[in-house]
Amino acid sequence: MNKKAINFNADLPGRVFSDSILEGNILYISGQIGTKEGEDNSFEKQFRRIMEKITALLEKASMTIDNIIKANFYLADRKHFPEMNRLFMEYFREIPPARSTIITGLVNENMLIEIDAIASK
């Protein structure tokens, strides 16, 4: 096993999980959130912040968004499904990854969406 953690902040004290794990040519990206205290936390803003974070993790692994092969979307409310699809198509134009969408309660009441993903070189 050649497992490597790829994190935003390597020395985060008390870390209980990695932002992503690179195992061989596969990058497993933990659930990312897009809330920011004191800022616009609309669904679209959260979605775009999450995609920025995912893109940054992919870049640290020498990958791009086109390397994503599977994504899981967790929505706090099904009313965001059409907007999620619209935004999804902005980011995944050519060959969209396999995807699951789950309507669920999220950890924080301000969270409207969480995304995790798997990418392959």
PDB file of N, CA and C in Angstrom:
ATOM      1  N   MET A   1       0.850  -1.178   0.000  1.00  0.00           N
ATOM      2  CA  MET A   1       0.000   0.000   0.000  1.00  0.00           C
ATOM      3  C   MET A   1       0.889   1.232   0.000  1.00  0.00           C
ATOM      4  N   ASN A   2       0.588   2.152  -0.904  1.00  0.00           N
ATOM      5  CA  ASN A   2       1.344   3.387  -1.027  1.00  0.00           C
ATOM      6  C   ASN A   2       0.393   4.570  -0.820  1.00  0.00           C
ATOM      7  N   LYS A   3      -0.111   4.698   0.392  1.00  0.00           N
ATOM      8  CA  LYS A   3      -1.137   5.685   0.732  1.00  0.00           C
ATOM      9  C   LYS A   3      -0.482   6.997   1.148  1.00  0.00           C
ATOM     10  N   LYS A   4      -0.977   8.117   0.571  1.00  0.00           N
ATOM     11  CA  LYS A   4      -0.441   9.439   0.884  1.00  0.00           C
ATOM     12  C   LYS A   4      -1.600  10.399   1.153  1.00  0.00           C
ATOM     13  N   ALA A   5      -1.552  11.084   2.296  1.00  0.00           N
ATOM     14  CA  ALA A   5      -2.568  12.095   2.607  1.00  0.00           C
ATOM     15  C   ALA A   5      -2.253  13.386   1.862  1.00  0.00           C
ATOM     16  N   ILE A   6      -3.270  13.969   1.260  1.00  0.00           N
ATOM     17  CA  ILE A   6      -3.145  15.279   0.618  1.00  0.00           C
ATOM     18  C   ILE A   6      -4.157  16.185   1.301  1.00  0.00           C
ATOM     19  N   ASN A   7      -3.638  17.157   2.055  1.00  0.00           N
ATOM     20  CA  ASN A   7      -4.480  18.024   2.876  1.00  0.00           C
ATOM     21  C   ASN A   7      -4.253  19.493   2.534  1.00  0.00           C
ATOM     22  N   PHE A   8      -5.216  20.312   2.910  1.00  0.00           N
ATOM     23  CA  PHE A   8      -5.053  21.762   2.763  1.00  0.00           C
ATOM     24  C   PHE A   8      -4.027  22.285   3.754  1.00  0.00           C
ATOM     25  N   ASN A   9      -4.086  21.761   4.982  1.00  0.00           N
ATOM     26  CA  ASN A   9      -3.212  22.218   6.059  1.00  0.00           C
ATOM     27  C   ASN A   9      -2.636  20.981   6.734  1.00  0.00           C
ATOM     28  N   ALA A  10      -1.396  20.653   6.397  1.00  0.00           N
ATOM     29  CA  ALA A  10      -0.789  19.400   6.860  1.00  0.00           C
ATOM     30  C   ALA A  10      -0.632  19.316   8.368  1.00  0.00           C
ATOM     31  N   ASP A  11      -0.480  20.447   9.038  1.00  0.00           N
ATOM     32  CA  ASP A  11      -0.197  20.405  10.475  1.00  0.00           C
ATOM     33  C   ASP A  11      -1.402  20.779  11.338  1.00  0.00           C
ATOM     34  N   LEU A  12      -2.593  20.521  10.838  1.00  0.00           N
ATOM     35  CA  LEU A  12      -3.811  20.826  11.589  1.00  0.00           C
ATOM     36  C   LEU A  12      -3.880  19.952  12.840  1.00  0.00           C
ATOM     37  N   PRO A  13      -3.825  20.561  14.025  1.00  0.00           N
ATOM     38  CA  PRO A  13      -3.853  19.755  15.253  1.00  0.00           C
ATOM     39  C   PRO A  13      -5.200  19.064  15.451  1.00  0.00           C
ATOM     40  N   GLY A  14      -5.164  17.856  15.954  1.00  0.00           N
ATOM     41  CA  GLY A  14      -6.394  17.125  16.246  1.00  0.00           C
ATOM     42  C   GLY A  14      -7.119  16.602  15.028  1.00  0.00           C
ATOM     43  N   ARG A  15      -6.431  16.510  13.911  1.00  0.00           N
ATOM     44  CA  ARG A  15      -7.058  16.038  12.661  1.00  0.00           C
ATOM     45  C   ARG A  15      -7.644  14.641  12.879  1.00  0.00           C
ATOM     46  N   VAL A  16      -8.904  14.456  12.497  1.00  0.00           N
ATOM     47  CA  VAL A  16      -9.546  13.145  12.636  1.00  0.00           C
ATOM     48  C   VAL A  16      -9.757  12.465  11.279  1.00  0.00           C
ATOM     49  N   PHE A  17      -9.523  13.178  10.191  1.00  0.00           N
ATOM     50  CA  PHE A  17      -9.600  12.584   8.851  1.00  0.00           C
ATOM     51  C   PHE A  17      -8.757  13.428   7.896  1.00  0.00           C
ATOM     52  N   SER A  18      -8.404  12.844   6.772  1.00  0.00           N
ATOM     53  CA  SER A  18      -7.634  13.546   5.741  1.00  0.00           C
ATOM     54  C   SER A  18      -8.580  14.193   4.739  1.00  0.00           C
ATOM     55  N   ASP A  19      -8.148  15.324   4.164  1.00  0.00           N
ATOM     56  CA  ASP A  19      -8.956  15.971   3.123  1.00  0.00           C
ATOM     57  C   ASP A  19      -9.052  15.079   1.897  1.00  0.00           C
ATOM     58  N   SER A  20      -7.966  14.352   1.617  1.00  0.00           N
ATOM     59  CA  SER A  20      -7.984  13.372   0.539  1.00  0.00           C
ATOM     60  C   SER A  20      -6.843  12.383   0.749  1.00  0.00           C
ATOM     61  N   ILE A  21      -6.977  11.229   0.122  1.00  0.00           N
ATOM     62  CA  ILE A  21      -5.958  10.178   0.178  1.00  0.00           C
ATOM     63  C   ILE A  21      -5.647   9.756  -1.256  1.00  0.00           C
ATOM     64  N   LEU A  22      -4.360   9.765  -1.581  1.00  0.00           N
ATOM     65  CA  LEU A  22      -3.909   9.270  -2.870  1.00  0.00           C
ATOM     66  C   LEU A  22      -3.355   7.867  -2.658  1.00  0.00           C
ATOM     67  N   GLU A  23      -3.954   6.904  -3.328  1.00  0.00           N
ATOM     68  CA  GLU A  23      -3.510   5.511  -3.279  1.00  0.00           C
ATOM     69  C   GLU A  23      -3.261   5.076  -4.724  1.00  0.00           C
ATOM     70  N   GLY A  24      -1.988   4.944  -5.083  1.00  0.00           N
ATOM     71  CA  GLY A  24      -1.655   4.640  -6.476  1.00  0.00           C
ATOM     72  C   GLY A  24      -2.101   5.779  -7.371  1.00  0.00           C
ATOM     73  N   ASN A  25      -2.966   5.485  -8.321  1.00  0.00           N
ATOM     74  CA  ASN A  25      -3.478   6.500  -9.248  1.00  0.00           C
ATOM     75  C   ASN A  25      -4.871   6.996  -8.880  1.00  0.00           C
ATOM     76  N   ILE A  26      -5.364   6.618  -7.719  1.00  0.00           N
ATOM     77  CA  ILE A  26      -6.719   6.977  -7.298  1.00  0.00           C
ATOM     78  C   ILE A  26      -6.657   7.986  -6.147  1.00  0.00           C
ATOM     79  N   LEU A  27      -7.416   9.081  -6.298  1.00  0.00           N
ATOM     80  CA  LEU A  27      -7.530  10.091  -5.246  1.00  0.00           C
ATOM     81  C   LEU A  27      -8.935  10.019  -4.669  1.00  0.00           C
ATOM     82  N   TYR A  28      -9.019   9.778  -3.366  1.00  0.00           N
ATOM     83  CA  TYR A  28     -10.293   9.728  -2.646  1.00  0.00           C
ATOM     84  C   TYR A  28     -10.441  11.049  -1.892  1.00  0.00           C
ATOM     85  N   ILE A  29     -11.412  11.848  -2.271  1.00  0.00           N
ATOM     86  CA  ILE A  29     -11.610  13.173  -1.674  1.00  0.00           C
ATOM     87  C   ILE A  29     -12.739  13.096  -0.657  1.00  0.00           C
ATOM     88  N   SER A  30     -12.416  13.470   0.584  1.00  0.00           N
ATOM     89  CA  SER A  30     -13.420  13.487   1.657  1.00  0.00           C
ATOM     90  C   SER A  30     -14.501  14.517   1.353  1.00  0.00           C
ATOM     91  N   GLY A  31     -15.625  14.383   2.043  1.00  0.00           N
ATOM     92  CA  GLY A  31     -16.715  15.336   1.887  1.00  0.00           C
ATOM     93  C   GLY A  31     -16.241  16.757   2.144  1.00  0.00           C
ATOM     94  N   GLN A  32     -16.514  17.641   1.193  1.00  0.00           N
ATOM     95  CA  GLN A  32     -16.125  19.049   1.289  1.00  0.00           C
ATOM     96  C   GLN A  32     -17.375  19.898   1.465  1.00  0.00           C
ATOM     97  N   ILE A  33     -17.233  20.930   2.269  1.00  0.00           N
ATOM     98  CA  ILE A  33     -18.353  21.855   2.499  1.00  0.00           C
ATOM     99  C   ILE A  33     -17.948  23.250   2.045  1.00  0.00           C
ATOM    100  N   GLY A  34     -18.939  24.106   1.864  1.00  0.00           N
ATOM    101  CA  GLY A  34     -18.664  25.432   1.324  1.00  0.00           C
ATOM    102  C   GLY A  34     -19.215  26.585   2.140  1.00  0.00           C
ATOM    103  N   THR A  35     -19.545  26.350   3.398  1.00  0.00           N
ATOM    104  CA  THR A  35     -20.042  27.451   4.222  1.00  0.00           C
ATOM    105  C   THR A  35     -18.877  28.323   4.673  1.00  0.00           C
ATOM    106  N   LYS A  36     -19.149  29.628   4.770  1.00  0.00           N
ATOM    107  CA  LYS A  36     -18.173  30.580   5.288  1.00  0.00           C
ATOM    108  C   LYS A  36     -18.905  31.531   6.219  1.00  0.00           C
ATOM    109  N   GLU A  37     -18.419  31.613   7.436  1.00  0.00           N
ATOM    110  CA  GLU A  37     -19.060  32.461   8.433  1.00  0.00           C
ATOM    111  C   GLU A  37     -19.019  33.922   7.998  1.00  0.00           C
ATOM    112  N   GLY A  38     -20.170  34.580   8.099  1.00  0.00           N
ATOM    113  CA  GLY A  38     -20.265  36.004   7.784  1.00  0.00           C
ATOM    114  C   GLY A  38     -20.318  36.330   6.304  1.00  0.00           C
ATOM    115  N   GLU A  39     -20.447  35.317   5.451  1.00  0.00           N
ATOM    116  CA  GLU A  39     -20.504  35.546   4.009  1.00  0.00           C
ATOM    117  C   GLU A  39     -21.789  34.972   3.429  1.00  0.00           C
ATOM    118  N   ASP A  40     -22.025  35.268   2.157  1.00  0.00           N
ATOM    119  CA  ASP A  40     -23.172  34.725   1.441  1.00  0.00           C
ATOM    120  C   ASP A  40     -23.037  33.204   1.400  1.00  0.00           C
ATOM    121  N   ASN A  41     -23.983  32.519   1.980  1.00  0.00           N
ATOM    122  CA  ASN A  41     -23.966  31.064   1.999  1.00  0.00           C
ATOM    123  C   ASN A  41     -25.116  30.478   1.191  1.00  0.00           C
ATOM    124  N   SER A  42     -25.414  31.135   0.063  1.00  0.00           N
ATOM    125  CA  SER A  42     -26.438  30.611  -0.834  1.00  0.00           C
ATOM    126  C   SER A  42     -25.982  29.254  -1.372  1.00  0.00           C
ATOM    127  N   PHE A  43     -26.899  28.517  -1.914  1.00  0.00           N
ATOM    128  CA  PHE A  43     -26.558  27.200  -2.459  1.00  0.00           C
ATOM    129  C   PHE A  43     -25.469  27.319  -3.518  1.00  0.00           C
ATOM    130  N   GLU A  44     -25.629  28.262  -4.424  1.00  0.00           N
ATOM    131  CA  GLU A  44     -24.635  28.416  -5.498  1.00  0.00           C
ATOM    132  C   GLU A  44     -23.256  28.758  -4.941  1.00  0.00           C
ATOM    133  N   LYS A  45     -23.178  29.648  -3.978  1.00  0.00           N
ATOM    134  CA  LYS A  45     -21.880  30.014  -3.379  1.00  0.00           C
ATOM    135  C   LYS A  45     -21.240  28.805  -2.715  1.00  0.00           C
ATOM    136  N   GLN A  46     -22.027  28.039  -1.962  1.00  0.00           N
ATOM    137  CA  GLN A  46     -21.482  26.852  -1.312  1.00  0.00           C
ATOM    138  C   GLN A  46     -20.986  25.854  -2.357  1.00  0.00           C
ATOM    139  N   PHE A  47     -21.762  25.635  -3.401  1.00  0.00           N
ATOM    140  CA  PHE A  47     -21.368  24.702  -4.454  1.00  0.00           C
ATOM    141  C   PHE A  47     -20.045  25.135  -5.075  1.00  0.00           C
ATOM    142  N   ARG A  48     -19.934  26.415  -5.428  1.00  0.00           N
ATOM    143  CA  ARG A  48     -18.711  26.901  -6.088  1.00  0.00           C
ATOM    144  C   ARG A  48     -17.501  26.844  -5.150  1.00  0.00           C
ATOM    145  N   ARG A  49     -17.689  27.144  -3.880  1.00  0.00           N
ATOM    146  CA  ARG A  49     -16.578  27.032  -2.916  1.00  0.00           C
ATOM    147  C   ARG A  49     -16.105  25.586  -2.806  1.00  0.00           C
ATOM    148  N   ILE A  50     -17.045  24.673  -2.758  1.00  0.00           N
ATOM    149  CA  ILE A  50     -16.693  23.250  -2.684  1.00  0.00           C
ATOM    150  C   ILE A  50     -15.895  22.849  -3.926  1.00  0.00           C
ATOM    151  N   MET A  51     -16.343  23.254  -5.086  1.00  0.00           N
ATOM    152  CA  MET A  51     -15.644  22.882  -6.311  1.00  0.00           C
ATOM    153  C   MET A  51     -14.247  23.505  -6.353  1.00  0.00           C
ATOM    154  N   GLU A  52     -14.075  24.696  -5.801  1.00  0.00           N
ATOM    155  CA  GLU A  52     -12.736  25.290  -5.699  1.00  0.00           C
ATOM    156  C   GLU A  52     -11.838  24.431  -4.811  1.00  0.00           C
ATOM    157  N   LYS A  53     -12.384  23.958  -3.699  1.00  0.00           N
ATOM    158  CA  LYS A  53     -11.609  23.109  -2.787  1.00  0.00           C
ATOM    159  C   LYS A  53     -11.255  21.782  -3.440  1.00  0.00           C
ATOM    160  N   ILE A  54     -12.208  21.174  -4.112  1.00  0.00           N
ATOM    161  CA  ILE A  54     -11.953  19.906  -4.796  1.00  0.00           C
ATOM    162  C   ILE A  54     -10.897  20.104  -5.884  1.00  0.00           C
ATOM    163  N   THR A  55     -11.008  21.180  -6.635  1.00  0.00           N
ATOM    164  CA  THR A  55     -10.025  21.480  -7.682  1.00  0.00           C
ATOM    165  C   THR A  55      -8.632  21.648  -7.086  1.00  0.00           C
ATOM    166  N   ALA A  56      -8.534  22.313  -5.947  1.00  0.00           N
ATOM    167  CA  ALA A  56      -7.235  22.512  -5.293  1.00  0.00           C
ATOM    168  C   ALA A  56      -6.631  21.175  -4.859  1.00  0.00           C
ATOM    169  N   LEU A  57      -7.448  20.283  -4.303  1.00  0.00           N
ATOM    170  CA  LEU A  57      -6.948  18.964  -3.913  1.00  0.00           C
ATOM    171  C   LEU A  57      -6.508  18.164  -5.138  1.00  0.00           C
ATOM    172  N   LEU A  58      -7.269  18.235  -6.211  1.00  0.00           N
ATOM    173  CA  LEU A  58      -6.898  17.551  -7.444  1.00  0.00           C
ATOM    174  C   LEU A  58      -5.553  18.059  -7.963  1.00  0.00           C
ATOM    175  N   GLU A  59      -5.373  19.378  -7.938  1.00  0.00           N
ATOM    176  CA  GLU A  59      -4.118  19.960  -8.420  1.00  0.00           C
ATOM    177  C   GLU A  59      -2.929  19.487  -7.586  1.00  0.00           C
ATOM    178  N   LYS A  60      -3.120  19.351  -6.270  1.00  0.00           N
ATOM    179  CA  LYS A  60      -2.038  18.858  -5.409  1.00  0.00           C
ATOM    180  C   LYS A  60      -1.657  17.425  -5.770  1.00  0.00           C
ATOM    181  N   ALA A  61      -2.581  16.697  -6.392  1.00  0.00           N
ATOM    182  CA  ALA A  61      -2.327  15.316  -6.825  1.00  0.00           C
ATOM    183  C   ALA A  61      -2.015  15.255  -8.326  1.00  0.00           C
ATOM    184  N   SER A  62      -1.730  16.408  -8.935  1.00  0.00           N
ATOM    185  CA  SER A  62      -1.438  16.500 -10.382  1.00  0.00           C
ATOM    186  C   SER A  62      -2.596  15.988 -11.229  1.00  0.00           C
ATOM    187  N   MET A  63      -3.804  16.352 -10.833  1.00  0.00           N
ATOM    188  CA  MET A  63      -5.010  15.979 -11.577  1.00  0.00           C
ATOM    189  C   MET A  63      -5.838  17.226 -11.852  1.00  0.00           C
ATOM    190  N   THR A  64      -6.884  17.050 -12.652  1.00  0.00           N
ATOM    191  CA  THR A  64      -7.849  18.116 -12.929  1.00  0.00           C
ATOM    192  C   THR A  64      -9.249  17.575 -12.670  1.00  0.00           C
ATOM    193  N   ILE A  65     -10.212  18.427 -12.814  1.00  0.00           N
ATOM    194  CA  ILE A  65     -11.604  18.039 -12.613  1.00  0.00           C
ATOM    195  C   ILE A  65     -12.023  16.929 -13.584  1.00  0.00           C
ATOM    196  N   ASP A  66     -11.363  16.859 -14.740  1.00  0.00           N
ATOM    197  CA  ASP A  66     -11.667  15.813 -15.712  1.00  0.00           C
ATOM    198  C   ASP A  66     -11.275  14.420 -15.221  1.00  0.00           C
ATOM    199  N   ASN A  67     -10.460  14.347 -14.168  1.00  0.00           N
ATOM    200  CA  ASN A  67     -10.047  13.056 -13.612  1.00  0.00           C
ATOM    201  C   ASN A  67     -11.093  12.462 -12.665  1.00  0.00           C
ATOM    202  N   ILE A  68     -12.108  13.247 -12.302  1.00  0.00           N
ATOM    203  CA  ILE A  68     -13.137  12.734 -11.391  1.00  0.00           C
ATOM    204  C   ILE A  68     -13.959  11.663 -12.113  1.00  0.00           C
ATOM    205  N   ILE A  69     -14.039  10.488 -11.470  1.00  0.00           N
ATOM    206  CA  ILE A  69     -14.798   9.387 -12.071  1.00  0.00           C
ATOM    207  C   ILE A  69     -16.094   9.093 -11.314  1.00  0.00           C
ATOM    208  N   LYS A  70     -16.186   9.547 -10.063  1.00  0.00           N
ATOM    209  CA  LYS A  70     -17.386   9.319  -9.239  1.00  0.00           C
ATOM    210  C   LYS A  70     -17.527  10.471  -8.260  1.00  0.00           C
ATOM    211  N   ALA A  71     -18.719  10.976  -8.114  1.00  0.00           N
ATOM    212  CA  ALA A  71     -18.991  12.044  -7.145  1.00  0.00           C
ATOM    213  C   ALA A  71     -20.286  11.750  -6.410  1.00  0.00           C
ATOM    214  N   ASN A  72     -20.288  12.053  -5.126  1.00  0.00           N
ATOM    215  CA  ASN A  72     -21.488  11.928  -4.300  1.00  0.00           C
ATOM    216  C   ASN A  72     -21.888  13.316  -3.824  1.00  0.00           C
ATOM    217  N   PHE A  73     -23.153  13.648  -4.021  1.00  0.00           N
ATOM    218  CA  PHE A  73     -23.692  14.948  -3.631  1.00  0.00           C
ATOM    219  C   PHE A  73     -24.713  14.723  -2.524  1.00  0.00           C
ATOM    220  N   TYR A  74     -24.543  15.430  -1.436  1.00  0.00           N
ATOM    221  CA  TYR A  74     -25.451  15.336  -0.285  1.00  0.00           C
ATOM    222  C   TYR A  74     -26.165  16.680  -0.165  1.00  0.00           C
ATOM    223  N   LEU A  75     -27.468  16.677  -0.346  1.00  0.00           N
ATOM    224  CA  LEU A  75     -28.259  17.909  -0.296  1.00  0.00           C
ATOM    225  C   LEU A  75     -29.098  17.940   0.971  1.00  0.00           C
ATOM    226  N   ALA A  76     -29.178  19.112   1.575  1.00  0.00           N
ATOM    227  CA  ALA A  76     -30.010  19.285   2.762  1.00  0.00           C
ATOM    228  C   ALA A  76     -31.498  19.326   2.389  1.00  0.00           C
ATOM    229  N   ASP A  77     -31.798  19.717   1.143  1.00  0.00           N
ATOM    230  CA  ASP A  77     -33.190  19.860   0.714  1.00  0.00           C
ATOM    231  C   ASP A  77     -33.289  19.540  -0.774  1.00  0.00           C
ATOM    232  N   ARG A  78     -34.275  18.754  -1.146  1.00  0.00           N
ATOM    233  CA  ARG A  78     -34.437  18.363  -2.559  1.00  0.00           C
ATOM    234  C   ARG A  78     -34.748  19.549  -3.460  1.00  0.00           C
ATOM    235  N   LYS A  79     -35.179  20.673  -2.914  1.00  0.00           N
ATOM    236  CA  LYS A  79     -35.479  21.837  -3.752  1.00  0.00           C
ATOM    237  C   LYS A  79     -34.227  22.340  -4.478  1.00  0.00           C
ATOM    238  N   HIS A  80     -33.041  21.966  -3.993  1.00  0.00           N
ATOM    239  CA  HIS A  80     -31.786  22.406  -4.620  1.00  0.00           C
ATOM    240  C   HIS A  80     -31.342  21.498  -5.767  1.00  0.00           C
ATOM    241  N   PHE A  81     -32.084  20.421  -6.016  1.00  0.00           N
ATOM    242  CA  PHE A  81     -31.684  19.464  -7.039  1.00  0.00           C
ATOM    243  C   PHE A  81     -31.544  20.099  -8.427  1.00  0.00           C
ATOM    244  N   PRO A  82     -32.531  20.884  -8.906  1.00  0.00           N
ATOM    245  CA  PRO A  82     -32.379  21.490 -10.237  1.00  0.00           C
ATOM    246  C   PRO A  82     -31.166  22.433 -10.318  1.00  0.00           C
ATOM    247  N   GLU A  83     -30.939  23.221  -9.276  1.00  0.00           N
ATOM    248  CA  GLU A  83     -29.788  24.126  -9.269  1.00  0.00           C
ATOM    249  C   GLU A  83     -28.478  23.334  -9.237  1.00  0.00           C
ATOM    250  N   MET A  84     -28.468  22.242  -8.480  1.00  0.00           N
ATOM    251  CA  MET A  84     -27.281  21.391  -8.438  1.00  0.00           C
ATOM    252  C   MET A  84     -26.973  20.849  -9.832  1.00  0.00           C
ATOM    253  N   ASN A  85     -27.980  20.386 -10.546  1.00  0.00           N
ATOM    254  CA  ASN A  85     -27.776  19.874 -11.899  1.00  0.00           C
ATOM    255  C   ASN A  85     -27.228  20.951 -12.829  1.00  0.00           C
ATOM    256  N   ARG A  86     -27.772  22.163 -12.733  1.00  0.00           N
ATOM    257  CA  ARG A  86     -27.305  23.271 -13.580  1.00  0.00           C
ATOM    258  C   ARG A  86     -25.831  23.557 -13.309  1.00  0.00           C
ATOM    259  N   LEU A  87     -25.461  23.655 -12.035  1.00  0.00           N
ATOM    260  CA  LEU A  87     -24.072  23.939 -11.673  1.00  0.00           C
ATOM    261  C   LEU A  87     -23.162  22.761 -12.031  1.00  0.00           C
ATOM    262  N   PHE A  88     -23.636  21.555 -11.805  1.00  0.00           N
ATOM    263  CA  PHE A  88     -22.879  20.357 -12.141  1.00  0.00           C
ATOM    264  C   PHE A  88     -22.469  20.380 -13.611  1.00  0.00           C
ATOM    265  N   MET A  89     -23.403  20.733 -14.483  1.00  0.00           N
ATOM    266  CA  MET A  89     -23.132  20.741 -15.921  1.00  0.00           C
ATOM    267  C   MET A  89     -22.138  21.834 -16.310  1.00  0.00           C
ATOM    268  N   GLU A  90     -22.015  22.885 -15.517  1.00  0.00           N
ATOM    269  CA  GLU A  90     -20.989  23.907 -15.776  1.00  0.00           C
ATOM    270  C   GLU A  90     -19.591  23.341 -15.575  1.00  0.00           C
ATOM    271  N   TYR A  91     -19.441  22.477 -14.596  1.00  0.00           N
ATOM    272  CA  TYR A  91     -18.128  21.931 -14.255  1.00  0.00           C
ATOM    273  C   TYR A  91     -17.788  20.654 -15.027  1.00  0.00           C
ATOM    274  N   PHE A  92     -18.790  19.874 -15.365  1.00  0.00           N
ATOM    275  CA  PHE A  92     -18.571  18.584 -16.019  1.00  0.00           C
ATOM    276  C   PHE A  92     -19.267  18.587 -17.374  1.00  0.00           C
ATOM    277  N   ARG A  93     -18.607  19.151 -18.372  1.00  0.00           N
ATOM    278  CA  ARG A  93     -19.227  19.331 -19.685  1.00  0.00           C
ATOM    279  C   ARG A  93     -19.015  18.162 -20.624  1.00  0.00           C
ATOM    280  N   GLU A  94     -17.815  17.613 -20.646  1.00  0.00           N
ATOM    281  CA  GLU A  94     -17.473  16.573 -21.617  1.00  0.00           C
ATOM    282  C   GLU A  94     -18.070  15.216 -21.233  1.00  0.00           C
ATOM    283  N   ILE A  95     -17.387  14.529 -20.327  1.00  0.00           N
ATOM    284  CA  ILE A  95     -17.854  13.221 -19.864  1.00  0.00           C
ATOM    285  C   ILE A  95     -18.106  13.346 -18.365  1.00  0.00           C
ATOM    286  N   PRO A  96     -19.354  13.560 -17.961  1.00  0.00           N
ATOM    287  CA  PRO A  96     -19.614  13.711 -16.532  1.00  0.00           C
ATOM    288  C   PRO A  96     -19.310  12.424 -15.769  1.00  0.00           C
ATOM    289  N   PRO A  97     -18.856  12.550 -14.535  1.00  0.00           N
ATOM    290  CA  PRO A  97     -18.568  11.353 -13.739  1.00  0.00           C
ATOM    291  C   PRO A  97     -19.855  10.638 -13.335  1.00  0.00           C
ATOM    292  N   ALA A  98     -19.692   9.394 -12.918  1.00  0.00           N
ATOM    293  CA  ALA A  98     -20.806   8.702 -12.279  1.00  0.00           C
ATOM    294  C   ALA A  98     -21.175   9.528 -11.043  1.00  0.00           C
ATOM    295  N   ARG A  99     -22.449   9.520 -10.678  1.00  0.00           N
ATOM    296  CA  ARG A  99     -22.877  10.413  -9.589  1.00  0.00           C
ATOM    297  C   ARG A  99     -24.023   9.808  -8.809  1.00  0.00           C
ATOM    298  N   SER A 100     -24.002  10.066  -7.516  1.00  0.00           N
ATOM    299  CA  SER A 100     -25.145   9.776  -6.649  1.00  0.00           C
ATOM    300  C   SER A 100     -25.542  11.075  -5.977  1.00  0.00           C
ATOM    301  N   THR A 101     -26.833  11.241  -5.757  1.00  0.00           N
ATOM    302  CA  THR A 101     -27.331  12.408  -5.031  1.00  0.00           C
ATOM    303  C   THR A 101     -28.219  11.905  -3.905  1.00  0.00           C
ATOM    304  N   ILE A 102     -27.899  12.342  -2.700  1.00  0.00           N
ATOM    305  CA  ILE A 102     -28.624  11.893  -1.514  1.00  0.00           C
ATOM    306  C   ILE A 102     -29.205  13.109  -0.806  1.00  0.00           C
ATOM    307  N   ILE A 103     -30.474  13.048  -0.477  1.00  0.00           N
ATOM    308  CA  ILE A 103     -31.116  14.088   0.318  1.00  0.00           C
ATOM    309  C   ILE A 103     -30.999  13.639   1.769  1.00  0.00           C
ATOM    310  N   THR A 104     -30.372  14.468   2.593  1.00  0.00           N
ATOM    311  CA  THR A 104     -30.078  14.047   3.965  1.00  0.00           C
ATOM    312  C   THR A 104     -29.922  15.252   4.887  1.00  0.00           C
ATOM    313  N   GLY A 105     -29.978  15.012   6.165  1.00  0.00           N
ATOM    314  CA  GLY A 105     -29.621  16.045   7.129  1.00  0.00           C
ATOM    315  C   GLY A 105     -28.108  16.174   7.151  1.00  0.00           C
ATOM    316  N   LEU A 106     -27.602  17.386   7.123  1.00  0.00           N
ATOM    317  CA  LEU A 106     -26.161  17.613   7.158  1.00  0.00           C
ATOM    318  C   LEU A 106     -25.746  18.047   8.557  1.00  0.00           C
ATOM    319  N   VAL A 107     -24.462  17.975   8.843  1.00  0.00           N
ATOM    320  CA  VAL A 107     -23.936  18.191  10.192  1.00  0.00           C
ATOM    321  C   VAL A 107     -24.288  19.568  10.754  1.00  0.00           C
ATOM    322  N   ASN A 108     -24.213  20.589   9.912  1.00  0.00           N
ATOM    323  CA  ASN A 108     -24.438  21.971  10.337  1.00  0.00           C
ATOM    324  C   ASN A 108     -25.689  22.494   9.645  1.00  0.00           C
ATOM    325  N   GLU A 109     -26.526  23.202  10.355  1.00  0.00           N
ATOM    326  CA  GLU A 109     -27.787  23.687   9.768  1.00  0.00           C
ATOM    327  C   GLU A 109     -27.571  24.686   8.638  1.00  0.00           C
ATOM    328  N   ASN A 110     -26.385  25.312   8.543  1.00  0.00           N
ATOM    329  CA  ASN A 110     -26.099  26.249   7.456  1.00  0.00           C
ATOM    330  C   ASN A 110     -25.603  25.555   6.190  1.00  0.00           C
ATOM    331  N   MET A 111     -25.248  24.289   6.324  1.00  0.00           N
ATOM    332  CA  MET A 111     -24.769  23.526   5.168  1.00  0.00           C
ATOM    333  C   MET A 111     -25.952  23.136   4.287  1.00  0.00           C
ATOM    334  N   LEU A 112     -25.841  23.478   3.011  1.00  0.00           N
ATOM    335  CA  LEU A 112     -26.873  23.114   2.048  1.00  0.00           C
ATOM    336  C   LEU A 112     -26.438  21.962   1.148  1.00  0.00           C
ATOM    337  N   ILE A 113     -25.103  21.766   1.060  1.00  0.00           N
ATOM    338  CA  ILE A 113     -24.551  20.722   0.196  1.00  0.00           C
ATOM    339  C   ILE A 113     -23.189  20.287   0.709  1.00  0.00           C
ATOM    340  N   GLU A 114     -22.878  19.023   0.495  1.00  0.00           N
ATOM    341  CA  GLU A 114     -21.551  18.468   0.739  1.00  0.00           C
ATOM    342  C   GLU A 114     -21.238  17.555  -0.447  1.00  0.00           C
ATOM    343  N   ILE A 115     -19.986  17.558  -0.891  1.00  0.00           N
ATOM    344  CA  ILE A 115     -19.598  16.744  -2.037  1.00  0.00           C
ATOM    345  C   ILE A 115     -18.325  15.963  -1.687  1.00  0.00           C
ATOM    346  N   ASP A 116     -18.321  14.672  -2.007  1.00  0.00           N
ATOM    347  CA  ASP A 116     -17.081  13.906  -1.982  1.00  0.00           C
ATOM    348  C   ASP A 116     -16.878  13.333  -3.379  1.00  0.00           C
ATOM    349  N   ALA A 117     -15.646  12.906  -3.672  1.00  0.00           N
ATOM    350  CA  ALA A 117     -15.358  12.455  -5.035  1.00  0.00           C
ATOM    351  C   ALA A 117     -14.203  11.462  -5.056  1.00  0.00           C
ATOM    352  N   ILE A 118     -14.136  10.755  -6.158  1.00  0.00           N
ATOM    353  CA  ILE A 118     -13.026   9.852  -6.454  1.00  0.00           C
ATOM    354  C   ILE A 118     -12.500  10.227  -7.832  1.00  0.00           C
ATOM    355  N   ALA A 119     -11.184  10.372  -7.920  1.00  0.00           N
ATOM    356  CA  ALA A 119     -10.550  10.725  -9.196  1.00  0.00           C
ATOM    357  C   ALA A 119      -9.472   9.699  -9.520  1.00  0.00           C
ATOM    358  N   SER A 120      -9.192   9.546 -10.801  1.00  0.00           N
ATOM    359  CA  SER A 120      -8.193   8.576 -11.248  1.00  0.00           C
ATOM    360  C   SER A 120      -7.314   9.201 -12.332  1.00  0.00           C
ATOM    361  N   LYS A 121      -6.005   8.914 -12.253  1.00  0.00           N
ATOM    362  CA  LYS A 121      -5.073   9.413 -13.288  1.00  0.00           C
ATOM    363  C   LYS A 121      -5.180   8.533 -14.515  1.00  0.00           C
TER     364      LYS A 121
END
